[in-house]
Amino acid sequence: FGTCTDIEAQKQLAEALAHAVASRDEFLSLASHELKTPLSSLRLQLEFARRKSGAGRADTAERFFETSLRQVERLTRIVADLLD
């Protein structure tokens, strides 16, 4: 005995799924880069400014840097969670 089953619809569905997964992966890669790059740059600029401000900086400046860096870290975690 034998059967003749048309699996064309299943093949098309599998191809559509593979295309959707590839599109998703491409989007996540692009989104990851576009969201993380400005945050990395901002963090580096803040760290640089903090170091250049010297040892005699005021408490207000130190609080500014601490708050700014903490918020950048918070945004970084949000972006990571969003991408996950």
C-alpha atoms as a PDB file:
ATOM      1  CA  PHE A   1       0.000   0.000   0.000  1.00  0.00           C
ATOM      2  CA  GLY A   2       1.108   3.523  -0.594  1.00  0.00           C
ATOM      3  CA  THR A   3      -0.142   7.013  -0.089  1.00  0.00           C
ATOM      4  CA  CYS A   4       0.085  10.138  -2.069  1.00  0.00           C
ATOM      5  CA  THR A   5       0.107  13.190   0.174  1.00  0.00           C
ATOM      6  CA  ASP A   6       0.480  16.697  -1.116  1.00  0.00           C
ATOM      7  CA  ILE A   7       2.964  18.442   1.198  1.00  0.00           C
ATOM      8  CA  GLU A   8       3.323  21.595  -0.884  1.00  0.00           C
ATOM      9  CA  ALA A   9       1.369  23.659   1.672  1.00  0.00           C
ATOM     10  CA  GLN A  10       3.619  22.388   4.475  1.00  0.00           C
ATOM     11  CA  LYS A  11       6.738  23.268   2.481  1.00  0.00           C
ATOM     12  CA  GLN A  12       5.440  26.785   1.827  1.00  0.00           C
ATOM     13  CA  LEU A  13       4.593  27.203   5.498  1.00  0.00           C
ATOM     14  CA  ALA A  14       8.082  26.022   6.517  1.00  0.00           C
ATOM     15  CA  GLU A  15       9.694  28.475   4.059  1.00  0.00           C
ATOM     16  CA  ALA A  16       7.496  31.324   5.322  1.00  0.00           C
ATOM     17  CA  LEU A  17       8.438  30.476   8.912  1.00  0.00           C
ATOM     18  CA  ALA A  18      12.153  30.362   8.054  1.00  0.00           C
ATOM     19  CA  HIS A  19      11.836  33.744   6.333  1.00  0.00           C
ATOM     20  CA  ALA A  20      10.001  35.205   9.349  1.00  0.00           C
ATOM     21  CA  VAL A  21      12.692  33.932  11.740  1.00  0.00           C
ATOM     22  CA  ALA A  22      15.459  35.358   9.534  1.00  0.00           C
ATOM     23  CA  SER A  23      13.649  38.702   9.356  1.00  0.00           C
ATOM     24  CA  ARG A  24      13.228  38.747  13.131  1.00  0.00           C
ATOM     25  CA  ASP A  25      16.903  37.962  13.700  1.00  0.00           C
ATOM     26  CA  GLU A  26      17.955  40.692  11.275  1.00  0.00           C
ATOM     27  CA  PHE A  27      15.668  43.207  13.000  1.00  0.00           C
ATOM     28  CA  LEU A  28      16.971  42.299  16.458  1.00  0.00           C
ATOM     29  CA  SER A  29      20.558  42.631  15.291  1.00  0.00           C
ATOM     30  CA  LEU A  30      19.890  46.051  13.792  1.00  0.00           C
ATOM     31  CA  ALA A  31      17.801  47.214  16.759  1.00  0.00           C
ATOM     32  CA  SER A  32      20.452  46.016  19.186  1.00  0.00           C
ATOM     33  CA  HIS A  33      23.161  47.963  17.410  1.00  0.00           C
ATOM     34  CA  GLU A  34      21.071  51.110  16.979  1.00  0.00           C
ATOM     35  CA  LEU A  35      19.919  51.152  20.603  1.00  0.00           C
ATOM     36  CA  LYS A  36      23.165  50.169  22.296  1.00  0.00           C
ATOM     37  CA  THR A  37      25.579  52.358  20.340  1.00  0.00           C
ATOM     38  CA  PRO A  38      24.306  55.728  21.632  1.00  0.00           C
ATOM     39  CA  LEU A  39      24.190  54.396  25.182  1.00  0.00           C
ATOM     40  CA  SER A  40      27.766  53.155  24.967  1.00  0.00           C
ATOM     41  CA  SER A  41      28.907  56.488  23.574  1.00  0.00           C
ATOM     42  CA  LEU A  42      27.064  58.408  26.289  1.00  0.00           C
ATOM     43  CA  ARG A  43      28.551  56.208  29.016  1.00  0.00           C
ATOM     44  CA  LEU A  44      32.074  56.715  27.650  1.00  0.00           C
ATOM     45  CA  GLN A  45      31.606  60.488  27.393  1.00  0.00           C
ATOM     46  CA  LEU A  46      30.316  60.678  30.971  1.00  0.00           C
ATOM     47  CA  GLU A  47      33.201  58.585  32.279  1.00  0.00           C
ATOM     48  CA  PHE A  48      35.667  60.744  30.359  1.00  0.00           C
ATOM     49  CA  ALA A  49      34.132  63.984  31.671  1.00  0.00           C
ATOM     50  CA  ARG A  50      34.103  62.575  35.184  1.00  0.00           C
ATOM     51  CA  ARG A  51      37.815  61.746  35.033  1.00  0.00           C
ATOM     52  CA  LYS A  52      38.724  65.083  33.432  1.00  0.00           C
ATOM     53  CA  SER A  53      36.828  67.045  36.079  1.00  0.00           C
ATOM     54  CA  GLY A  54      39.676  66.253  38.469  1.00  0.00           C
ATOM     55  CA  ALA A  55      40.020  65.583  42.156  1.00  0.00           C
ATOM     56  CA  GLY A  56      38.754  68.994  43.276  1.00  0.00           C
ATOM     57  CA  ARG A  57      35.286  68.654  41.797  1.00  0.00           C
ATOM     58  CA  ALA A  58      32.277  69.758  43.761  1.00  0.00           C
ATOM     59  CA  ASP A  59      29.827  67.355  45.337  1.00  0.00           C
ATOM     60  CA  THR A  60      27.200  68.631  42.902  1.00  0.00           C
ATOM     61  CA  ALA A  61      29.287  67.545  39.916  1.00  0.00           C
ATOM     62  CA  GLU A  62      29.939  64.139  41.465  1.00  0.00           C
ATOM     63  CA  ARG A  63      26.218  63.650  42.079  1.00  0.00           C
ATOM     64  CA  PHE A  64      25.551  64.661  38.465  1.00  0.00           C
ATOM     65  CA  PHE A  65      27.975  62.048  37.151  1.00  0.00           C
ATOM     66  CA  GLU A  66      26.698  59.343  39.492  1.00  0.00           C
ATOM     67  CA  THR A  67      23.062  60.030  38.585  1.00  0.00           C
ATOM     68  CA  SER A  68      23.817  60.222  34.871  1.00  0.00           C
ATOM     69  CA  LEU A  69      25.795  56.990  34.854  1.00  0.00           C
ATOM     70  CA  ARG A  70      23.136  55.236  36.915  1.00  0.00           C
ATOM     71  CA  GLN A  71      20.456  56.304  34.424  1.00  0.00           C
ATOM     72  CA  VAL A  72      22.577  55.148  31.475  1.00  0.00           C
ATOM     73  CA  GLU A  73      22.931  51.761  33.170  1.00  0.00           C
ATOM     74  CA  ARG A  74      19.173  51.669  33.714  1.00  0.00           C
ATOM     75  CA  LEU A  75      18.542  52.413  30.035  1.00  0.00           C
ATOM     76  CA  THR A  76      21.065  49.748  29.076  1.00  0.00           C
ATOM     77  CA  ARG A  77      19.193  47.154  31.146  1.00  0.00           C
ATOM     78  CA  ILE A  78      15.856  48.248  29.642  1.00  0.00           C
ATOM     79  CA  VAL A  79      17.244  47.890  26.113  1.00  0.00           C
ATOM     80  CA  ALA A  80      18.701  44.466  26.945  1.00  0.00           C
ATOM     81  CA  ASP A  81      15.388  43.320  28.412  1.00  0.00           C
ATOM     82  CA  LEU A  82      13.508  44.666  25.404  1.00  0.00           C
ATOM     83  CA  LEU A  83      15.784  42.820  22.999  1.00  0.00           C
ATOM     84  CA  ASP A  84      15.505  39.596  25.021  1.00  0.00           C
END
